[in-house]
Amino acid sequence: MPIPSETLSLLRWRARRGLLENDLMMERFFERFHDRIEEADLEPLNTLLDLSDNDLMDLLLRRKEPEGELATEGVHRVLAMLRPVRN
């Protein structure tokens, strides 16, 4: 079941980033998946949003993979939605 629109609005606001590239990827994520983000996605998404801009960028661009406590199924699932599609 998708999350309520109020929760989605708060999440979009929290996802605003200092790096333009991160901001663009987050916006694309919300445009594509706004109606498919579920409660189970909130914790992993918030975990990713807690990262610094540079650490998040490294994950989004596949320069790094999640390690340690970050390497959860939920984080991998959300990252798969966030990352640009490879050609």
PDB file of N, CA and C in Angstrom:
ATOM      1  N   MET A   1       0.850  -1.184   0.000  1.00  0.00           N
ATOM      2  CA  MET A   1       0.000   0.000   0.000  1.00  0.00           C
ATOM      3  C   MET A   1       0.893   1.244   0.000  1.00  0.00           C
ATOM      4  N   PRO A   2       0.654   2.152  -0.912  1.00  0.00           N
ATOM      5  CA  PRO A   2       1.463   3.380  -0.984  1.00  0.00           C
ATOM      6  C   PRO A   2       1.317   4.225   0.281  1.00  0.00           C
ATOM      7  N   ILE A   3       2.332   5.023   0.544  1.00  0.00           N
ATOM      8  CA  ILE A   3       2.309   5.886   1.722  1.00  0.00           C
ATOM      9  C   ILE A   3       1.361   7.069   1.478  1.00  0.00           C
ATOM     10  N   PRO A   4       0.861   7.675   2.552  1.00  0.00           N
ATOM     11  CA  PRO A   4      -0.028   8.835   2.407  1.00  0.00           C
ATOM     12  C   PRO A   4       0.700  10.005   1.723  1.00  0.00           C
ATOM     13  N   SER A   5      -0.051  10.840   1.039  1.00  0.00           N
ATOM     14  CA  SER A   5       0.544  11.961   0.308  1.00  0.00           C
ATOM     15  C   SER A   5       1.259  12.935   1.242  1.00  0.00           C
ATOM     16  N   GLU A   6       0.779  13.086   2.469  1.00  0.00           N
ATOM     17  CA  GLU A   6       1.447  13.977   3.429  1.00  0.00           C
ATOM     18  C   GLU A   6       2.841  13.437   3.768  1.00  0.00           C
ATOM     19  N   THR A   7       2.946  12.143   3.975  1.00  0.00           N
ATOM     20  CA  THR A   7       4.235  11.513   4.253  1.00  0.00           C
ATOM     21  C   THR A   7       5.163  11.672   3.057  1.00  0.00           C
ATOM     22  N   LEU A   8       4.622  11.490   1.876  1.00  0.00           N
ATOM     23  CA  LEU A   8       5.410  11.635   0.651  1.00  0.00           C
ATOM     24  C   LEU A   8       5.943  13.065   0.522  1.00  0.00           C
ATOM     25  N   SER A   9       5.107  14.053   0.808  1.00  0.00           N
ATOM     26  CA  SER A   9       5.540  15.459   0.733  1.00  0.00           C
ATOM     27  C   SER A   9       6.673  15.745   1.706  1.00  0.00           C
ATOM     28  N   LEU A  10       6.566  15.239   2.926  1.00  0.00           N
ATOM     29  CA  LEU A  10       7.622  15.433   3.921  1.00  0.00           C
ATOM     30  C   LEU A  10       8.910  14.738   3.479  1.00  0.00           C
ATOM     31  N   LEU A  11       8.777  13.572   2.905  1.00  0.00           N
ATOM     32  CA  LEU A  11       9.937  12.828   2.430  1.00  0.00           C
ATOM     33  C   LEU A  11      10.618  13.557   1.278  1.00  0.00           C
ATOM     34  N   ARG A  12       9.832  14.086   0.374  1.00  0.00           N
ATOM     35  CA  ARG A  12      10.411  14.857  -0.745  1.00  0.00           C
ATOM     36  C   ARG A  12      11.179  16.067  -0.238  1.00  0.00           C
ATOM     37  N   TRP A  13      10.633  16.726   0.759  1.00  0.00           N
ATOM     38  CA  TRP A  13      11.308  17.889   1.326  1.00  0.00           C
ATOM     39  C   TRP A  13      12.620  17.469   1.982  1.00  0.00           C
ATOM     40  N   ARG A  14      12.589  16.380   2.721  1.00  0.00           N
ATOM     41  CA  ARG A  14      13.801  15.890   3.389  1.00  0.00           C
ATOM     42  C   ARG A  14      14.854  15.433   2.379  1.00  0.00           C
ATOM     43  N   ALA A  15      14.426  15.007   1.205  1.00  0.00           N
ATOM     44  CA  ALA A  15      15.345  14.473   0.194  1.00  0.00           C
ATOM     45  C   ALA A  15      16.087  15.558  -0.579  1.00  0.00           C
ATOM     46  N   ARG A  16      15.758  16.802  -0.347  1.00  0.00           N
ATOM     47  CA  ARG A  16      16.477  17.883  -1.045  1.00  0.00           C
ATOM     48  C   ARG A  16      17.930  17.855  -0.619  1.00  0.00           C
ATOM     49  N   ARG A  17      18.830  17.911  -1.588  1.00  0.00           N
ATOM     50  CA  ARG A  17      20.249  17.726  -1.322  1.00  0.00           C
ATOM     51  C   ARG A  17      21.057  18.963  -1.689  1.00  0.00           C
ATOM     52  N   GLY A  18      22.285  19.002  -1.189  1.00  0.00           N
ATOM     53  CA  GLY A  18      23.193  20.092  -1.501  1.00  0.00           C
ATOM     54  C   GLY A  18      23.869  19.930  -2.849  1.00  0.00           C
ATOM     55  N   LEU A  19      24.032  18.693  -3.289  1.00  0.00           N
ATOM     56  CA  LEU A  19      24.632  18.445  -4.602  1.00  0.00           C
ATOM     57  C   LEU A  19      23.539  18.349  -5.652  1.00  0.00           C
ATOM     58  N   LEU A  20      23.663  19.100  -6.702  1.00  0.00           N
ATOM     59  CA  LEU A  20      22.657  19.117  -7.762  1.00  0.00           C
ATOM     60  C   LEU A  20      22.412  17.720  -8.327  1.00  0.00           C
ATOM     61  N   GLU A  21      23.477  16.948  -8.519  1.00  0.00           N
ATOM     62  CA  GLU A  21      23.331  15.608  -9.096  1.00  0.00           C
ATOM     63  C   GLU A  21      22.454  14.722  -8.215  1.00  0.00           C
ATOM     64  N   ASN A  22      22.682  14.766  -6.895  1.00  0.00           N
ATOM     65  CA  ASN A  22      21.840  14.005  -5.969  1.00  0.00           C
ATOM     66  C   ASN A  22      20.403  14.489  -6.028  1.00  0.00           C
ATOM     67  N   ASP A  23      20.235  15.794  -6.058  1.00  0.00           N
ATOM     68  CA  ASP A  23      18.906  16.389  -6.105  1.00  0.00           C
ATOM     69  C   ASP A  23      18.148  15.917  -7.347  1.00  0.00           C
ATOM     70  N   LEU A  24      18.820  15.899  -8.480  1.00  0.00           N
ATOM     71  CA  LEU A  24      18.178  15.459  -9.722  1.00  0.00           C
ATOM     72  C   LEU A  24      17.781  13.987  -9.663  1.00  0.00           C
ATOM     73  N   MET A  25      18.649  13.151  -9.107  1.00  0.00           N
ATOM     74  CA  MET A  25      18.322  11.726  -8.989  1.00  0.00           C
ATOM     75  C   MET A  25      17.164  11.497  -8.034  1.00  0.00           C
ATOM     76  N   MET A  26      17.139  12.251  -6.949  1.00  0.00           N
ATOM     77  CA  MET A  26      16.035  12.111  -5.995  1.00  0.00           C
ATOM     78  C   MET A  26      14.717  12.557  -6.632  1.00  0.00           C
ATOM     79  N   GLU A  27      14.757  13.663  -7.361  1.00  0.00           N
ATOM     80  CA  GLU A  27      13.538  14.131  -8.035  1.00  0.00           C
ATOM     81  C   GLU A  27      13.030  13.101  -9.038  1.00  0.00           C
ATOM     82  N   ARG A  28      13.945  12.532  -9.804  1.00  0.00           N
ATOM     83  CA  ARG A  28      13.548  11.505 -10.776  1.00  0.00           C
ATOM     84  C   ARG A  28      12.940  10.294 -10.064  1.00  0.00           C
ATOM     85  N   PHE A  29      13.529   9.918  -8.943  1.00  0.00           N
ATOM     86  CA  PHE A  29      13.008   8.811  -8.141  1.00  0.00           C
ATOM     87  C   PHE A  29      11.560   9.090  -7.738  1.00  0.00           C
ATOM     88  N   PHE A  30      11.301  10.274  -7.205  1.00  0.00           N
ATOM     89  CA  PHE A  30       9.943  10.597  -6.763  1.00  0.00           C
ATOM     90  C   PHE A  30       8.971  10.700  -7.936  1.00  0.00           C
ATOM     91  N   GLU A  31       9.409  11.193  -9.053  1.00  0.00           N
ATOM     92  CA  GLU A  31       8.546  11.261 -10.236  1.00  0.00           C
ATOM     93  C   GLU A  31       8.158   9.863 -10.711  1.00  0.00           C
ATOM     94  N   ARG A  32       9.114   8.950 -10.705  1.00  0.00           N
ATOM     95  CA  ARG A  32       8.868   7.601 -11.220  1.00  0.00           C
ATOM     96  C   ARG A  32       8.141   6.708 -10.225  1.00  0.00           C
ATOM     97  N   PHE A  33       8.436   6.849  -8.941  1.00  0.00           N
ATOM     98  CA  PHE A  33       7.954   5.880  -7.957  1.00  0.00           C
ATOM     99  C   PHE A  33       7.015   6.455  -6.895  1.00  0.00           C
ATOM    100  N   HIS A  34       6.571   7.700  -7.043  1.00  0.00           N
ATOM    101  CA  HIS A  34       5.766   8.331  -5.988  1.00  0.00           C
ATOM    102  C   HIS A  34       4.551   7.498  -5.576  1.00  0.00           C
ATOM    103  N   ASP A  35       3.978   6.790  -6.497  1.00  0.00           N
ATOM    104  CA  ASP A  35       2.780   6.008  -6.180  1.00  0.00           C
ATOM    105  C   ASP A  35       3.109   4.572  -5.774  1.00  0.00           C
ATOM    106  N   ARG A  36       4.407   4.227  -5.738  1.00  0.00           N
ATOM    107  CA  ARG A  36       4.807   2.861  -5.375  1.00  0.00           C
ATOM    108  C   ARG A  36       5.697   2.809  -4.142  1.00  0.00           C
ATOM    109  N   ILE A  37       5.978   3.947  -3.527  1.00  0.00           N
ATOM    110  CA  ILE A  37       6.771   3.960  -2.297  1.00  0.00           C
ATOM    111  C   ILE A  37       5.867   3.471  -1.174  1.00  0.00           C
ATOM    112  N   GLU A  38       6.334   2.458  -0.461  1.00  0.00           N
ATOM    113  CA  GLU A  38       5.534   1.848   0.600  1.00  0.00           C
ATOM    114  C   GLU A  38       6.188   2.064   1.964  1.00  0.00           C
ATOM    115  N   GLU A  39       5.446   1.724   3.004  1.00  0.00           N
ATOM    116  CA  GLU A  39       5.948   1.859   4.374  1.00  0.00           C
ATOM    117  C   GLU A  39       7.298   1.170   4.534  1.00  0.00           C
ATOM    118  N   ALA A  40       7.475   0.006   3.928  1.00  0.00           N
ATOM    119  CA  ALA A  40       8.721  -0.754   4.054  1.00  0.00           C
ATOM    120  C   ALA A  40       9.906  -0.013   3.434  1.00  0.00           C
ATOM    121  N   ASP A  41       9.643   0.936   2.552  1.00  0.00           N
ATOM    122  CA  ASP A  41      10.712   1.698   1.909  1.00  0.00           C
ATOM    123  C   ASP A  41      11.160   2.901   2.735  1.00  0.00           C
ATOM    124  N   LEU A  42      10.377   3.295   3.716  1.00  0.00           N
ATOM    125  CA  LEU A  42      10.671   4.525   4.460  1.00  0.00           C
ATOM    126  C   LEU A  42      11.958   4.436   5.274  1.00  0.00           C
ATOM    127  N   GLU A  43      12.134   3.362   6.031  1.00  0.00           N
ATOM    128  CA  GLU A  43      13.340   3.250   6.855  1.00  0.00           C
ATOM    129  C   GLU A  43      14.611   3.208   6.005  1.00  0.00           C
ATOM    130  N   PRO A  44      14.674   2.346   4.960  1.00  0.00           N
ATOM    131  CA  PRO A  44      15.891   2.347   4.144  1.00  0.00           C
ATOM    132  C   PRO A  44      16.124   3.678   3.424  1.00  0.00           C
ATOM    133  N   LEU A  45      15.059   4.313   2.969  1.00  0.00           N
ATOM    134  CA  LEU A  45      15.214   5.597   2.293  1.00  0.00           C
ATOM    135  C   LEU A  45      15.736   6.647   3.268  1.00  0.00           C
ATOM    136  N   ASN A  46      15.200   6.679   4.466  1.00  0.00           N
ATOM    137  CA  ASN A  46      15.682   7.625   5.469  1.00  0.00           C
ATOM    138  C   ASN A  46      17.126   7.327   5.861  1.00  0.00           C
ATOM    139  N   THR A  47      17.502   6.061   5.895  1.00  0.00           N
ATOM    140  CA  THR A  47      18.891   5.687   6.176  1.00  0.00           C
ATOM    141  C   THR A  47      19.809   6.273   5.114  1.00  0.00           C
ATOM    142  N   LEU A  48      19.407   6.165   3.860  1.00  0.00           N
ATOM    143  CA  LEU A  48      20.207   6.737   2.770  1.00  0.00           C
ATOM    144  C   LEU A  48      20.252   8.257   2.854  1.00  0.00           C
ATOM    145  N   LEU A  49      19.137   8.862   3.222  1.00  0.00           N
ATOM    146  CA  LEU A  49      19.093  10.325   3.319  1.00  0.00           C
ATOM    147  C   LEU A  49      19.926  10.855   4.483  1.00  0.00           C
ATOM    148  N   ASP A  50      20.226   9.996   5.451  1.00  0.00           N
ATOM    149  CA  ASP A  50      21.079  10.401   6.574  1.00  0.00           C
ATOM    150  C   ASP A  50      22.549  10.488   6.163  1.00  0.00           C
ATOM    151  N   LEU A  51      22.910   9.928   5.022  1.00  0.00           N
ATOM    152  CA  LEU A  51      24.295   9.954   4.561  1.00  0.00           C
ATOM    153  C   LEU A  51      24.688  11.355   4.084  1.00  0.00           C
ATOM    154  N   SER A  52      25.974  11.606   4.071  1.00  0.00           N
ATOM    155  CA  SER A  52      26.453  12.862   3.498  1.00  0.00           C
ATOM    156  C   SER A  52      26.182  12.848   1.993  1.00  0.00           C
ATOM    157  N   ASP A  53      26.179  14.018   1.395  1.00  0.00           N
ATOM    158  CA  ASP A  53      25.934  14.107  -0.049  1.00  0.00           C
ATOM    159  C   ASP A  53      26.944  13.286  -0.843  1.00  0.00           C
ATOM    160  N   ASN A  54      28.210  13.354  -0.455  1.00  0.00           N
ATOM    161  CA  ASN A  54      29.242  12.629  -1.193  1.00  0.00           C
ATOM    162  C   ASN A  54      29.098  11.116  -1.053  1.00  0.00           C
ATOM    163  N   ASP A  55      28.771  10.636   0.143  1.00  0.00           N
ATOM    164  CA  ASP A  55      28.575   9.199   0.337  1.00  0.00           C
ATOM    165  C   ASP A  55      27.353   8.709  -0.442  1.00  0.00           C
ATOM    166  N   LEU A  56      26.285   9.496  -0.431  1.00  0.00           N
ATOM    167  CA  LEU A  56      25.101   9.127  -1.198  1.00  0.00           C
ATOM    168  C   LEU A  56      25.418   9.100  -2.687  1.00  0.00           C
ATOM    169  N   MET A  57      26.145  10.087  -3.169  1.00  0.00           N
ATOM    170  CA  MET A  57      26.509  10.129  -4.585  1.00  0.00           C
ATOM    171  C   MET A  57      27.310   8.896  -4.981  1.00  0.00           C
ATOM    172  N   ASP A  58      28.261   8.496  -4.144  1.00  0.00           N
ATOM    173  CA  ASP A  58      29.055   7.302  -4.432  1.00  0.00           C
ATOM    174  C   ASP A  58      28.171   6.062  -4.571  1.00  0.00           C
ATOM    175  N   LEU A  59      27.165   5.947  -3.731  1.00  0.00           N
ATOM    176  CA  LEU A  59      26.249   4.805  -3.828  1.00  0.00           C
ATOM    177  C   LEU A  59      25.376   4.896  -5.073  1.00  0.00           C
ATOM    178  N   LEU A  60      24.866   6.087  -5.350  1.00  0.00           N
ATOM    179  CA  LEU A  60      23.978   6.253  -6.509  1.00  0.00           C
ATOM    180  C   LEU A  60      24.703   5.988  -7.821  1.00  0.00           C
ATOM    181  N   LEU A  61      25.969   6.370  -7.882  1.00  0.00           N
ATOM    182  CA  LEU A  61      26.746   6.189  -9.115  1.00  0.00           C
ATOM    183  C   LEU A  61      27.494   4.857  -9.163  1.00  0.00           C
ATOM    184  N   ARG A  62      27.218   4.003  -8.176  1.00  0.00           N
ATOM    185  CA  ARG A  62      27.833   2.669  -8.109  1.00  0.00           C
ATOM    186  C   ARG A  62      29.355   2.711  -7.906  1.00  0.00           C
ATOM    187  N   ARG A  63      29.860   3.791  -7.378  1.00  0.00           N
ATOM    188  CA  ARG A  63      31.282   3.853  -7.044  1.00  0.00           C
ATOM    189  C   ARG A  63      31.561   3.020  -5.797  1.00  0.00           C
ATOM    190  N   LYS A  64      30.527   2.858  -4.985  1.00  0.00           N
ATOM    191  CA  LYS A  64      30.583   2.049  -3.770  1.00  0.00           C
ATOM    192  C   LYS A  64      29.284   1.259  -3.669  1.00  0.00           C
ATOM    193  N   GLU A  65      29.345   0.194  -2.888  1.00  0.00           N
ATOM    194  CA  GLU A  65      28.157  -0.580  -2.547  1.00  0.00           C
ATOM    195  C   GLU A  65      27.952  -0.448  -1.043  1.00  0.00           C
ATOM    196  N   PRO A  66      26.720  -0.599  -0.580  1.00  0.00           N
ATOM    197  CA  PRO A  66      26.466  -0.496   0.860  1.00  0.00           C
ATOM    198  C   PRO A  66      27.283  -1.542   1.635  1.00  0.00           C
ATOM    199  N   GLU A  67      27.840  -1.124   2.747  1.00  0.00           N
ATOM    200  CA  GLU A  67      28.644  -2.006   3.595  1.00  0.00           C
ATOM    201  C   GLU A  67      28.157  -1.923   5.030  1.00  0.00           C
ATOM    202  N   GLY A  68      28.466  -2.960   5.797  1.00  0.00           N
ATOM    203  CA  GLY A  68      28.147  -2.973   7.221  1.00  0.00           C
ATOM    204  C   GLY A  68      26.654  -2.870   7.468  1.00  0.00           C
ATOM    205  N   GLU A  69      26.289  -2.006   8.406  1.00  0.00           N
ATOM    206  CA  GLU A  69      24.882  -1.844   8.782  1.00  0.00           C
ATOM    207  C   GLU A  69      24.033  -1.295   7.634  1.00  0.00           C
ATOM    208  N   LEU A  70      24.674  -0.688   6.677  1.00  0.00           N
ATOM    209  CA  LEU A  70      23.960  -0.119   5.528  1.00  0.00           C
ATOM    210  C   LEU A  70      23.573  -1.186   4.505  1.00  0.00           C
ATOM    211  N   ALA A  71      24.205  -2.338   4.570  1.00  0.00           N
ATOM    212  CA  ALA A  71      23.997  -3.393   3.572  1.00  0.00           C
ATOM    213  C   ALA A  71      22.788  -4.260   3.926  1.00  0.00           C
ATOM    214  N   THR A  72      21.611  -3.645   3.916  1.00  0.00           N
ATOM    215  CA  THR A  72      20.379  -4.380   4.202  1.00  0.00           C
ATOM    216  C   THR A  72      19.594  -4.596   2.914  1.00  0.00           C
ATOM    217  N   GLU A  73      18.677  -5.516   2.979  1.00  0.00           N
ATOM    218  CA  GLU A  73      17.829  -5.787   1.816  1.00  0.00           C
ATOM    219  C   GLU A  73      17.038  -4.540   1.418  1.00  0.00           C
ATOM    220  N   GLY A  74      16.532  -3.827   2.417  1.00  0.00           N
ATOM    221  CA  GLY A  74      15.754  -2.629   2.135  1.00  0.00           C
ATOM    222  C   GLY A  74      16.565  -1.540   1.454  1.00  0.00           C
ATOM    223  N   VAL A  75      17.786  -1.321   1.918  1.00  0.00           N
ATOM    224  CA  VAL A  75      18.655  -0.309   1.306  1.00  0.00           C
ATOM    225  C   VAL A  75      18.965  -0.712  -0.131  1.00  0.00           C
ATOM    226  N   HIS A  76      19.257  -1.982  -0.358  1.00  0.00           N
ATOM    227  CA  HIS A  76      19.531  -2.441  -1.726  1.00  0.00           C
ATOM    228  C   HIS A  76      18.309  -2.244  -2.631  1.00  0.00           C
ATOM    229  N   ARG A  77      17.116  -2.523  -2.092  1.00  0.00           N
ATOM    230  CA  ARG A  77      15.880  -2.366  -2.867  1.00  0.00           C
ATOM    231  C   ARG A  77      15.668  -0.899  -3.257  1.00  0.00           C
ATOM    232  N   VAL A  78      15.825   0.005  -2.291  1.00  0.00           N
ATOM    233  CA  VAL A  78      15.618   1.430  -2.565  1.00  0.00           C
ATOM    234  C   VAL A  78      16.715   1.958  -3.498  1.00  0.00           C
ATOM    235  N   LEU A  79      17.944   1.520  -3.294  1.00  0.00           N
ATOM    236  CA  LEU A  79      19.030   1.943  -4.185  1.00  0.00           C
ATOM    237  C   LEU A  79      18.758   1.521  -5.627  1.00  0.00           C
ATOM    238  N   ALA A  80      18.204   0.332  -5.803  1.00  0.00           N
ATOM    239  CA  ALA A  80      17.884  -0.136  -7.159  1.00  0.00           C
ATOM    240  C   ALA A  80      16.882   0.798  -7.833  1.00  0.00           C
ATOM    241  N   MET A  81      15.979   1.372  -7.055  1.00  0.00           N
ATOM    242  CA  MET A  81      15.013   2.316  -7.614  1.00  0.00           C
ATOM    243  C   MET A  81      15.655   3.681  -7.865  1.00  0.00           C
ATOM    244  N   LEU A  82      16.572   4.067  -6.992  1.00  0.00           N
ATOM    245  CA  LEU A  82      17.208   5.388  -7.085  1.00  0.00           C
ATOM    246  C   LEU A  82      18.260   5.483  -8.187  1.00  0.00           C
ATOM    247  N   ARG A  83      18.978   4.406  -8.395  1.00  0.00           N
ATOM    248  CA  ARG A  83      20.105   4.457  -9.333  1.00  0.00           C
ATOM    249  C   ARG A  83      19.634   4.600 -10.770  1.00  0.00           C
ATOM    250  N   PRO A  84      20.422   5.346 -11.563  1.00  0.00           N
ATOM    251  CA  PRO A  84      20.082   5.463 -12.984  1.00  0.00           C
ATOM    252  C   PRO A  84      20.201   4.096 -13.658  1.00  0.00           C
ATOM    253  N   VAL A  85      19.385   3.896 -14.651  1.00  0.00           N
ATOM    254  CA  VAL A  85      19.381   2.640 -15.393  1.00  0.00           C
ATOM    255  C   VAL A  85      20.640   2.573 -16.245  1.00  0.00           C
ATOM    256  N   ARG A  86      21.302   1.430 -16.191  1.00  0.00           N
ATOM    257  CA  ARG A  86      22.491   1.241 -17.030  1.00  0.00           C
ATOM    258  C   ARG A  86      22.067   0.905 -18.436  1.00  0.00           C
ATOM    259  N   ASN A  87      22.815   1.396 -19.407  1.00  0.00           N
ATOM    260  CA  ASN A  87      22.527   1.075 -20.802  1.00  0.00           C
ATOM    261  C   ASN A  87      23.385  -0.069 -21.282  1.00  0.00           C
TER     262      ASN A  87
END
